[in-house]
Protein backbone atom coordinates (compact mmCIF):
# COMPACT_ATOMS: atom_id res chain seq x y z
CA UNK A 1 -11.34 -45.11 60.14
CA UNK A 2 -9.13 -48.09 59.36
CA UNK A 3 -5.96 -48.90 61.28
CA UNK A 4 -3.66 -51.63 60.05
CA UNK A 5 -0.10 -52.80 60.42
CA UNK A 6 1.39 -54.99 57.71
CA UNK A 7 4.25 -57.49 57.97
CA UNK A 8 6.81 -54.68 57.55
CA UNK A 9 5.50 -52.96 60.69
CA UNK A 10 4.24 -49.97 58.71
CA UNK A 11 1.21 -48.49 60.44
CA UNK A 12 -1.55 -47.33 58.09
CA UNK A 13 -4.41 -45.08 59.12
CA UNK A 14 -7.20 -44.37 56.64
CA UNK A 15 -9.91 -41.88 57.57
CA UNK A 16 -12.31 -39.44 55.92
CA UNK A 17 -10.63 -36.19 54.87
CA UNK A 18 -12.86 -33.39 56.07
CA UNK A 19 -13.92 -30.63 53.71
CA UNK A 20 -13.85 -30.18 49.96
CA UNK A 21 -10.67 -31.18 48.10
CA UNK A 22 -9.47 -30.29 44.61
CA UNK A 23 -6.60 -31.50 42.40
CA UNK A 24 -5.46 -29.21 39.62
CA UNK A 25 -2.58 -28.22 37.39
CA UNK A 26 -2.13 -25.70 34.62
CA UNK A 27 -5.47 -24.08 35.39
CA UNK A 28 -7.45 -27.31 34.90
CA UNK A 29 -9.24 -29.11 37.74
CA UNK A 30 -8.91 -32.89 37.43
CA UNK A 31 -10.66 -33.90 40.66
CA UNK A 32 -13.05 -32.27 43.12
CA UNK A 33 -14.77 -34.00 46.01
CA UNK A 34 -16.20 -33.77 49.49
CA UNK A 35 -15.68 -37.53 49.90
CA UNK A 36 -11.86 -37.72 49.97
CA UNK A 37 -10.00 -40.03 52.32
CA UNK A 38 -6.67 -39.43 54.01
CA UNK A 39 -4.04 -42.14 54.32
CA UNK A 40 -1.22 -41.85 56.84
CA UNK A 41 1.58 -44.43 56.55
CA UNK A 42 3.95 -44.43 59.49
CA UNK A 43 5.77 -41.09 59.82
CA UNK A 44 5.13 -40.06 56.19
CA UNK A 45 2.99 -37.00 55.37
CA UNK A 46 -0.74 -37.69 54.87
CA UNK A 47 -1.88 -38.54 51.33
CA UNK A 48 -5.29 -37.51 50.00
CA UNK A 49 -7.23 -39.99 47.84
CA UNK A 50 -10.16 -38.96 45.62
CA UNK A 51 -13.06 -41.29 44.74
CA UNK A 52 -12.54 -42.37 41.14
CA UNK A 53 -16.10 -41.19 40.38
CA UNK A 54 -14.99 -37.63 41.25
CA UNK A 55 -11.89 -37.69 39.01
CA UNK A 56 -11.90 -36.62 35.34
CA UNK A 57 -10.55 -40.01 34.20
CA UNK A 58 -11.20 -39.13 30.52
CA UNK A 59 -7.97 -37.09 30.62
CA UNK A 60 -5.93 -39.94 32.13
CA UNK A 61 -3.94 -42.58 30.28
CA UNK A 62 -2.88 -45.76 32.05
CA UNK A 63 0.90 -46.03 32.13
CA UNK A 64 2.95 -49.20 31.88
CA UNK A 65 4.68 -48.04 35.07
CA UNK A 66 3.74 -49.83 38.27
CA UNK A 67 5.29 -49.48 41.71
CA UNK A 68 4.83 -51.29 45.00
CA UNK A 69 4.24 -49.62 48.36
CA UNK A 70 4.57 -51.74 51.51
CA UNK A 71 1.21 -52.22 53.19
CA UNK A 72 -0.72 -50.85 50.22
CA UNK A 73 0.18 -53.02 47.23
CA UNK A 74 0.91 -52.37 43.58
CA UNK A 75 0.10 -48.92 42.25
CA UNK A 76 -1.05 -48.34 38.69
CA UNK A 77 0.25 -45.02 37.37
CA UNK A 78 -1.61 -42.64 35.08
CA UNK A 79 -0.45 -39.80 32.87
CA UNK A 80 -2.63 -36.75 32.36
CA UNK A 81 -3.10 -35.45 28.84
CA UNK A 82 -2.95 -31.73 29.63
CA UNK A 83 -3.48 -28.99 27.06
CA UNK A 84 0.15 -28.41 26.15
CA UNK A 85 1.91 -31.55 27.39
CA UNK A 86 1.59 -34.99 28.90
CA UNK A 87 2.17 -35.16 32.67
CA UNK A 88 3.78 -38.55 33.30
CA UNK A 89 2.91 -40.44 36.50
CA UNK A 90 0.67 -37.59 37.63
CA UNK A 91 -1.78 -39.91 39.39
CA UNK A 92 -1.92 -43.42 40.75
CA UNK A 93 -4.41 -45.94 42.01
CA UNK A 94 -4.20 -49.13 44.06
CA UNK A 95 -6.65 -51.33 42.19
CA UNK A 96 -5.99 -54.43 44.31
CA UNK A 97 -4.76 -53.07 47.67
CA UNK A 98 -3.30 -55.32 50.32
CA UNK A 99 -5.22 -56.41 53.41
CA UNK A 100 -5.70 -53.44 55.72
CA UNK A 101 -5.69 -50.94 52.85
CA UNK A 102 -8.88 -52.06 51.09
CA UNK A 103 -10.47 -48.65 51.71
CA UNK A 104 -8.28 -47.08 48.99
CA UNK A 105 -9.67 -49.35 46.25
CA UNK A 106 -11.56 -47.26 43.64
CA UNK A 107 -9.69 -44.12 44.75
CA UNK A 108 -7.02 -42.07 42.98
CA UNK A 109 -4.19 -40.04 44.48
CA UNK A 110 -1.95 -37.50 42.79
CA UNK A 111 1.78 -36.94 42.52
CA UNK A 112 1.97 -33.58 44.29
CA UNK A 113 5.21 -32.75 42.45
CA UNK A 114 3.04 -32.53 39.31
CA UNK A 115 -0.52 -31.80 40.52
CA UNK A 116 -1.58 -29.43 43.29
CA UNK A 117 -3.93 -30.97 45.89
CA UNK A 118 -5.69 -28.50 48.18
CA UNK A 119 -8.48 -28.34 50.70
CA UNK A 120 -11.04 -25.65 49.80
C-alpha cells in the first residue's frame, strides 16, 4: 500500500484490489485481472487500475487528449475501437506519474461512463 500527499494536500492511497476484476462494454471484455490496484484520492470514489499486460491494448488508439490530475500527473487518453463505434476517452493511463503515485505506472483505468468495471 502506498500513501502520499502532494503539494495540493490531496491524499492518495494505492493498494491491491482484492479479487478478479473485468472491464467490458458492448459484450466485449477489454481487461481481466486478479492483479488490479485501487487508488483512492481524497474523498473521491475508489478507481480501479488494470495492469497494462492484462488489457487488450490492440483495440485501443492513443488520443491526442491529455488531462492533468493533481497528485497523479498527466493522463494519456485512449479510444476503444469497438465493433460498431469508437468509444472516445474510454481509458487512460498515467505513463509518468508524479511522486507518490508511481505505483500506477504501467496500469490502465477506464472511464466508467463508457466502460463497465466490475469485481467478479
